[in-house]
PDB file of N, CA and C in Angstrom:
ATOM      1  N   UNK A   1      26.475   8.814  61.079  1.00  0.00           N
ATOM      2  CA  UNK A   1      25.414   8.307  61.952  1.00  0.00           C
ATOM      3  C   UNK A   1      24.162   7.998  61.193  1.00  0.00           C
ATOM      4  N   UNK A   2      23.778   8.953  60.272  1.00  0.00           N
ATOM      5  CA  UNK A   2      22.590   8.736  59.501  1.00  0.00           C
ATOM      6  C   UNK A   2      22.672   7.494  58.635  1.00  0.00           C
ATOM      7  N   UNK A   3      23.879   7.280  58.032  1.00  0.00           N
ATOM      8  CA  UNK A   3      24.081   6.107  57.172  1.00  0.00           C
ATOM      9  C   UNK A   3      23.887   4.796  57.947  1.00  0.00           C
ATOM     10  N   UNK A   4      24.275   4.853  59.197  1.00  0.00           N
ATOM     11  CA  UNK A   4      24.209   3.623  60.027  1.00  0.00           C
ATOM     12  C   UNK A   4      22.729   3.379  60.358  1.00  0.00           C
ATOM     13  N   UNK A   5      21.957   4.368  60.679  1.00  0.00           N
ATOM     14  CA  UNK A   5      20.542   4.248  60.882  1.00  0.00           C
ATOM     15  C   UNK A   5      19.785   3.741  59.650  1.00  0.00           C
ATOM     16  N   UNK A   6      20.140   4.316  58.537  1.00  0.00           N
ATOM     17  CA  UNK A   6      19.495   3.899  57.274  1.00  0.00           C
ATOM     18  C   UNK A   6      19.853   2.412  56.974  1.00  0.00           C
ATOM     19  N   UNK A   7      21.048   2.034  57.157  1.00  0.00           N
ATOM     20  CA  UNK A   7      21.428   0.630  56.938  1.00  0.00           C
ATOM     21  C   UNK A   7      20.686  -0.306  57.839  1.00  0.00           C
ATOM     22  N   UNK A   8      20.523   0.075  59.060  1.00  0.00           N
ATOM     23  CA  UNK A   8      19.798  -0.762  59.981  1.00  0.00           C
ATOM     24  C   UNK A   8      18.314  -0.911  59.646  1.00  0.00           C
ATOM     25  N   UNK A   9      17.728   0.208  59.206  1.00  0.00           N
ATOM     26  CA  UNK A   9      16.369   0.231  58.777  1.00  0.00           C
ATOM     27  C   UNK A   9      16.096  -0.658  57.572  1.00  0.00           C
ATOM     28  N   UNK A  10      17.059  -0.643  56.628  1.00  0.00           N
ATOM     29  CA  UNK A  10      16.952  -1.505  55.448  1.00  0.00           C
ATOM     30  C   UNK A  10      17.074  -2.992  55.836  1.00  0.00           C
ATOM     31  N   UNK A  11      17.895  -3.298  56.753  1.00  0.00           N
ATOM     32  CA  UNK A  11      18.051  -4.661  57.206  1.00  0.00           C
ATOM     33  C   UNK A  11      16.882  -5.237  57.867  1.00  0.00           C
ATOM     34  N   UNK A  12      16.087  -4.387  58.557  1.00  0.00           N
ATOM     35  CA  UNK A  12      14.937  -4.873  59.295  1.00  0.00           C
ATOM     36  C   UNK A  12      13.704  -5.014  58.490  1.00  0.00           C
ATOM     37  N   UNK A  13      13.701  -4.512  57.277  1.00  0.00           N
ATOM     38  CA  UNK A  13      12.544  -4.543  56.423  1.00  0.00           C
ATOM     39  C   UNK A  13      12.267  -6.007  55.935  1.00  0.00           C
ATOM     40  N   UNK A  14      11.063  -6.453  56.120  1.00  0.00           N
ATOM     41  CA  UNK A  14      10.673  -7.787  55.718  1.00  0.00           C
ATOM     42  C   UNK A  14      10.367  -7.818  54.280  1.00  0.00           C
ATOM     43  N   UNK A  15      10.949  -8.807  53.559  1.00  0.00           N
ATOM     44  CA  UNK A  15      10.741  -8.972  52.136  1.00  0.00           C
ATOM     45  C   UNK A  15       9.417  -9.671  51.916  1.00  0.00           C
ATOM     46  N   UNK A  16       8.483  -8.980  51.227  1.00  0.00           N
ATOM     47  CA  UNK A  16       7.164  -9.555  50.957  1.00  0.00           C
ATOM     48  C   UNK A  16       7.179  -9.966  49.407  1.00  0.00           C
ATOM     49  N   UNK A  17       6.787 -11.206  49.109  1.00  0.00           N
ATOM     50  CA  UNK A  17       6.806 -11.696  47.779  1.00  0.00           C
ATOM     51  C   UNK A  17       8.239 -12.027  47.390  1.00  0.00           C
ATOM     52  N   UNK A  18       8.335 -12.575  46.175  1.00  0.00           N
ATOM     53  CA  UNK A  18       9.675 -12.906  45.707  1.00  0.00           C
ATOM     54  C   UNK A  18      10.367 -11.638  45.243  1.00  0.00           C
ATOM     55  N   UNK A  19      11.681 -11.584  45.319  1.00  0.00           N
ATOM     56  CA  UNK A  19      12.415 -10.369  44.920  1.00  0.00           C
ATOM     57  C   UNK A  19      12.514 -10.259  43.371  1.00  0.00           C
ATOM     58  N   UNK A  20      12.338  -9.055  42.902  1.00  0.00           N
ATOM     59  CA  UNK A  20      12.571  -8.762  41.438  1.00  0.00           C
ATOM     60  C   UNK A  20      14.036  -8.432  41.268  1.00  0.00           C
ATOM     61  N   UNK A  21      14.550  -8.613  40.082  1.00  0.00           N
ATOM     62  CA  UNK A  21      15.817  -8.001  39.717  1.00  0.00           C
ATOM     63  C   UNK A  21      15.401  -6.652  39.056  1.00  0.00           C
ATOM     64  N   UNK A  22      16.345  -5.750  38.983  1.00  0.00           N
ATOM     65  CA  UNK A  22      16.104  -4.435  38.416  1.00  0.00           C
ATOM     66  C   UNK A  22      15.625  -4.618  36.952  1.00  0.00           C
ATOM     67  N   UNK A  23      16.272  -5.455  36.186  1.00  0.00           N
ATOM     68  CA  UNK A  23      15.976  -5.683  34.841  1.00  0.00           C
ATOM     69  C   UNK A  23      14.576  -6.280  34.665  1.00  0.00           C
ATOM     70  N   UNK A  24      14.206  -7.210  35.492  1.00  0.00           N
ATOM     71  CA  UNK A  24      12.854  -7.806  35.441  1.00  0.00           C
ATOM     72  C   UNK A  24      11.780  -6.810  35.752  1.00  0.00           C
ATOM     73  N   UNK A  25      12.008  -5.956  36.717  1.00  0.00           N
ATOM     74  CA  UNK A  25      11.057  -4.950  37.130  1.00  0.00           C
ATOM     75  C   UNK A  25      10.896  -3.907  35.943  1.00  0.00           C
ATOM     76  N   UNK A  26      12.020  -3.513  35.408  1.00  0.00           N
ATOM     77  CA  UNK A  26      11.970  -2.514  34.306  1.00  0.00           C
ATOM     78  C   UNK A  26      11.249  -3.123  33.063  1.00  0.00           C
ATOM     79  N   UNK A  27      11.490  -4.372  32.781  1.00  0.00           N
ATOM     80  CA  UNK A  27      10.810  -4.981  31.654  1.00  0.00           C
ATOM     81  C   UNK A  27       9.348  -5.162  31.863  1.00  0.00           C
ATOM     82  N   UNK A  28       8.916  -5.517  33.067  1.00  0.00           N
ATOM     83  CA  UNK A  28       7.519  -5.769  33.361  1.00  0.00           C
ATOM     84  C   UNK A  28       6.671  -4.474  33.240  1.00  0.00           C
ATOM     85  N   UNK A  29       7.257  -3.408  33.680  1.00  0.00           N
ATOM     86  CA  UNK A  29       6.483  -2.107  33.646  1.00  0.00           C
ATOM     87  C   UNK A  29       6.989  -1.125  32.623  1.00  0.00           C
ATOM     88  N   UNK A  30       7.810  -1.561  31.668  1.00  0.00           N
ATOM     89  CA  UNK A  30       8.300  -0.784  30.590  1.00  0.00           C
ATOM     90  C   UNK A  30       8.895   0.536  31.061  1.00  0.00           C
ATOM     91  N   UNK A  31       9.834   0.388  32.047  1.00  0.00           N
ATOM     92  CA  UNK A  31      10.494   1.571  32.646  1.00  0.00           C
ATOM     93  C   UNK A  31      11.907   1.628  32.029  1.00  0.00           C
ATOM     94  N   UNK A  32      12.441   2.819  31.908  1.00  0.00           N
ATOM     95  CA  UNK A  32      13.826   2.900  31.542  1.00  0.00           C
ATOM     96  C   UNK A  32      14.640   2.473  32.729  1.00  0.00           C
ATOM     97  N   UNK A  33      15.910   2.095  32.489  1.00  0.00           N
ATOM     98  CA  UNK A  33      16.706   1.445  33.518  1.00  0.00           C
ATOM     99  C   UNK A  33      16.931   2.415  34.738  1.00  0.00           C
ATOM    100  N   UNK A  34      17.072   3.717  34.409  1.00  0.00           N
ATOM    101  CA  UNK A  34      17.369   4.692  35.528  1.00  0.00           C
ATOM    102  C   UNK A  34      16.171   4.775  36.432  1.00  0.00           C
ATOM    103  N   UNK A  35      14.974   4.899  35.930  1.00  0.00           N
ATOM    104  CA  UNK A  35      13.771   4.984  36.748  1.00  0.00           C
ATOM    105  C   UNK A  35      13.552   3.644  37.564  1.00  0.00           C
ATOM    106  N   UNK A  36      13.726   2.503  36.853  1.00  0.00           N
ATOM    107  CA  UNK A  36      13.526   1.268  37.561  1.00  0.00           C
ATOM    108  C   UNK A  36      14.549   1.124  38.736  1.00  0.00           C
ATOM    109  N   UNK A  37      15.784   1.545  38.515  1.00  0.00           N
ATOM    110  CA  UNK A  37      16.773   1.453  39.572  1.00  0.00           C
ATOM    111  C   UNK A  37      16.406   2.356  40.713  1.00  0.00           C
ATOM    112  N   UNK A  38      15.903   3.613  40.379  1.00  0.00           N
ATOM    113  CA  UNK A  38      15.541   4.533  41.441  1.00  0.00           C
ATOM    114  C   UNK A  38      14.437   3.979  42.320  1.00  0.00           C
ATOM    115  N   UNK A  39      13.421   3.461  41.727  1.00  0.00           N
ATOM    116  CA  UNK A  39      12.310   2.887  42.498  1.00  0.00           C
ATOM    117  C   UNK A  39      12.738   1.618  43.256  1.00  0.00           C
ATOM    118  N   UNK A  40      13.544   0.792  42.683  1.00  0.00           N
ATOM    119  CA  UNK A  40      14.044  -0.400  43.232  1.00  0.00           C
ATOM    120  C   UNK A  40      14.835  -0.077  44.552  1.00  0.00           C
ATOM    121  N   UNK A  41      15.712   0.946  44.403  1.00  0.00           N
ATOM    122  CA  UNK A  41      16.547   1.333  45.564  1.00  0.00           C
ATOM    123  C   UNK A  41      15.731   1.986  46.615  1.00  0.00           C
ATOM    124  N   UNK A  42      14.692   2.722  46.314  1.00  0.00           N
ATOM    125  CA  UNK A  42      13.857   3.392  47.262  1.00  0.00           C
ATOM    126  C   UNK A  42      12.867   2.415  47.954  1.00  0.00           C
ATOM    127  N   UNK A  43      12.285   1.497  47.234  1.00  0.00           N
ATOM    128  CA  UNK A  43      11.257   0.603  47.833  1.00  0.00           C
ATOM    129  C   UNK A  43      11.679  -0.830  48.047  1.00  0.00           C
ATOM    130  N   UNK A  44      12.859  -1.160  47.578  1.00  0.00           N
ATOM    131  CA  UNK A  44      13.410  -2.533  47.775  1.00  0.00           C
ATOM    132  C   UNK A  44      12.987  -3.514  46.685  1.00  0.00           C
ATOM    133  N   UNK A  45      13.425  -4.722  46.794  1.00  0.00           N
ATOM    134  CA  UNK A  45      13.239  -5.709  45.694  1.00  0.00           C
ATOM    135  C   UNK A  45      11.923  -6.497  45.791  1.00  0.00           C
ATOM    136  N   UNK A  46      11.139  -6.295  46.800  1.00  0.00           N
ATOM    137  CA  UNK A  46       9.903  -7.044  47.034  1.00  0.00           C
ATOM    138  C   UNK A  46       8.956  -6.903  45.839  1.00  0.00           C
ATOM    139  N   UNK A  47       8.581  -7.937  45.215  1.00  0.00           N
ATOM    140  CA  UNK A  47       7.640  -7.977  44.093  1.00  0.00           C
ATOM    141  C   UNK A  47       6.299  -7.436  44.532  1.00  0.00           C
ATOM    142  N   UNK A  48       5.854  -7.759  45.721  1.00  0.00           N
ATOM    143  CA  UNK A  48       4.526  -7.298  46.250  1.00  0.00           C
ATOM    144  C   UNK A  48       4.550  -5.872  46.365  1.00  0.00           C
ATOM    145  N   UNK A  49       5.600  -5.278  47.024  1.00  0.00           N
ATOM    146  CA  UNK A  49       5.621  -3.838  47.271  1.00  0.00           C
ATOM    147  C   UNK A  49       5.746  -3.105  45.888  1.00  0.00           C
ATOM    148  N   UNK A  50       6.582  -3.547  44.987  1.00  0.00           N
ATOM    149  CA  UNK A  50       6.745  -2.835  43.736  1.00  0.00           C
ATOM    150  C   UNK A  50       5.513  -2.950  42.858  1.00  0.00           C
ATOM    151  N   UNK A  51       4.829  -4.073  42.882  1.00  0.00           N
ATOM    152  CA  UNK A  51       3.590  -4.213  42.154  1.00  0.00           C
ATOM    153  C   UNK A  51       2.461  -3.306  42.654  1.00  0.00           C
ATOM    154  N   UNK A  52       2.386  -3.201  43.973  1.00  0.00           N
ATOM    155  CA  UNK A  52       1.429  -2.235  44.637  1.00  0.00           C
ATOM    156  C   UNK A  52       1.783  -0.802  44.210  1.00  0.00           C
ATOM    157  N   UNK A  53       3.033  -0.451  44.265  1.00  0.00           N
ATOM    158  CA  UNK A  53       3.470   0.857  43.883  1.00  0.00           C
ATOM    159  C   UNK A  53       3.079   1.178  42.497  1.00  0.00           C
ATOM    160  N   UNK A  54       3.347   0.284  41.534  1.00  0.00           N
ATOM    161  CA  UNK A  54       3.051   0.570  40.143  1.00  0.00           C
ATOM    162  C   UNK A  54       1.549   0.592  39.855  1.00  0.00           C
ATOM    163  N   UNK A  55       0.780  -0.227  40.595  1.00  0.00           N
ATOM    164  CA  UNK A  55      -0.631  -0.221  40.512  1.00  0.00           C
ATOM    165  C   UNK A  55      -1.217   1.173  40.955  1.00  0.00           C
ATOM    166  N   UNK A  56      -0.656   1.645  42.053  1.00  0.00           N
ATOM    167  CA  UNK A  56      -1.092   2.953  42.600  1.00  0.00           C
ATOM    168  C   UNK A  56      -0.715   4.081  41.569  1.00  0.00           C
ATOM    169  N   UNK A  57       0.464   3.990  41.018  1.00  0.00           N
ATOM    170  CA  UNK A  57       0.923   5.013  40.084  1.00  0.00           C
ATOM    171  C   UNK A  57      -0.005   4.988  38.822  1.00  0.00           C
ATOM    172  N   UNK A  58      -0.373   3.875  38.359  1.00  0.00           N
ATOM    173  CA  UNK A  58      -1.234   3.784  37.168  1.00  0.00           C
ATOM    174  C   UNK A  58      -2.632   4.310  37.488  1.00  0.00           C
ATOM    175  N   UNK A  59      -3.157   3.937  38.657  1.00  0.00           N
ATOM    176  CA  UNK A  59      -4.450   4.479  39.070  1.00  0.00           C
ATOM    177  C   UNK A  59      -4.485   5.954  39.194  1.00  0.00           C
ATOM    178  N   UNK A  60      -3.433   6.514  39.710  1.00  0.00           N
ATOM    179  CA  UNK A  60      -3.365   7.978  39.945  1.00  0.00           C
ATOM    180  C   UNK A  60      -3.220   8.706  38.651  1.00  0.00           C
ATOM    181  N   UNK A  61      -2.657   8.082  37.636  1.00  0.00           N
ATOM    182  CA  UNK A  61      -2.440   8.795  36.342  1.00  0.00           C
ATOM    183  C   UNK A  61      -3.623   8.750  35.422  1.00  0.00           C
ATOM    184  N   UNK A  62      -4.603   7.840  35.747  1.00  0.00           N
ATOM    185  CA  UNK A  62      -5.747   7.695  34.938  1.00  0.00           C
ATOM    186  C   UNK A  62      -6.724   8.834  35.261  1.00  0.00           C
ATOM    187  N   UNK A  63      -7.250   9.485  34.264  1.00  0.00           N
ATOM    188  CA  UNK A  63      -8.198  10.566  34.533  1.00  0.00           C
ATOM    189  C   UNK A  63      -9.617   9.942  34.683  1.00  0.00           C
ATOM    190  N   UNK A  64     -10.365  10.502  35.624  1.00  0.00           N
ATOM    191  CA  UNK A  64     -11.764   9.998  35.743  1.00  0.00           C
ATOM    192  C   UNK A  64     -12.528  10.270  34.469  1.00  0.00           C
ATOM    193  N   UNK A  65     -13.483   9.383  34.193  1.00  0.00           N
ATOM    194  CA  UNK A  65     -14.271   9.555  32.965  1.00  0.00           C
ATOM    195  C   UNK A  65     -15.025  10.886  33.042  1.00  0.00           C
ATOM    196  N   UNK A  66     -15.163  11.545  31.915  1.00  0.00           N
ATOM    197  CA  UNK A  66     -15.904  12.773  31.834  1.00  0.00           C
ATOM    198  C   UNK A  66     -17.375  12.534  31.838  1.00  0.00           C
ATOM    199  N   UNK A  67     -18.073  13.393  32.505  1.00  0.00           N
ATOM    200  CA  UNK A  67     -19.522  13.189  32.632  1.00  0.00           C
ATOM    201  C   UNK A  67     -20.202  14.399  32.002  1.00  0.00           C
ATOM    202  N   UNK A  68     -20.942  14.209  30.930  1.00  0.00           N
ATOM    203  CA  UNK A  68     -21.654  15.291  30.234  1.00  0.00           C
ATOM    204  C   UNK A  68     -23.079  15.308  30.744  1.00  0.00           C
ATOM    205  N   UNK A  69     -23.360  16.297  31.556  1.00  0.00           N
ATOM    206  CA  UNK A  69     -24.739  16.457  32.099  1.00  0.00           C
ATOM    207  C   UNK A  69     -25.476  17.452  31.343  1.00  0.00           C
TER     208      UNK A  69
END
């Protein structure tokens, strides 16, 4: 039953932007194939969605500048 609901949910998702291939996505963000495939399967092939995800991941990993007072 859960598999049917998940399949329906995936079919209803609107594709935003052109679709990436897993290889293209991995190359663009210098990801290993396993990580690229995991993100691709979780978030779909939408270039817009994947670009936003990677932008957020990069912003979150940056440390704020230190302030010496």
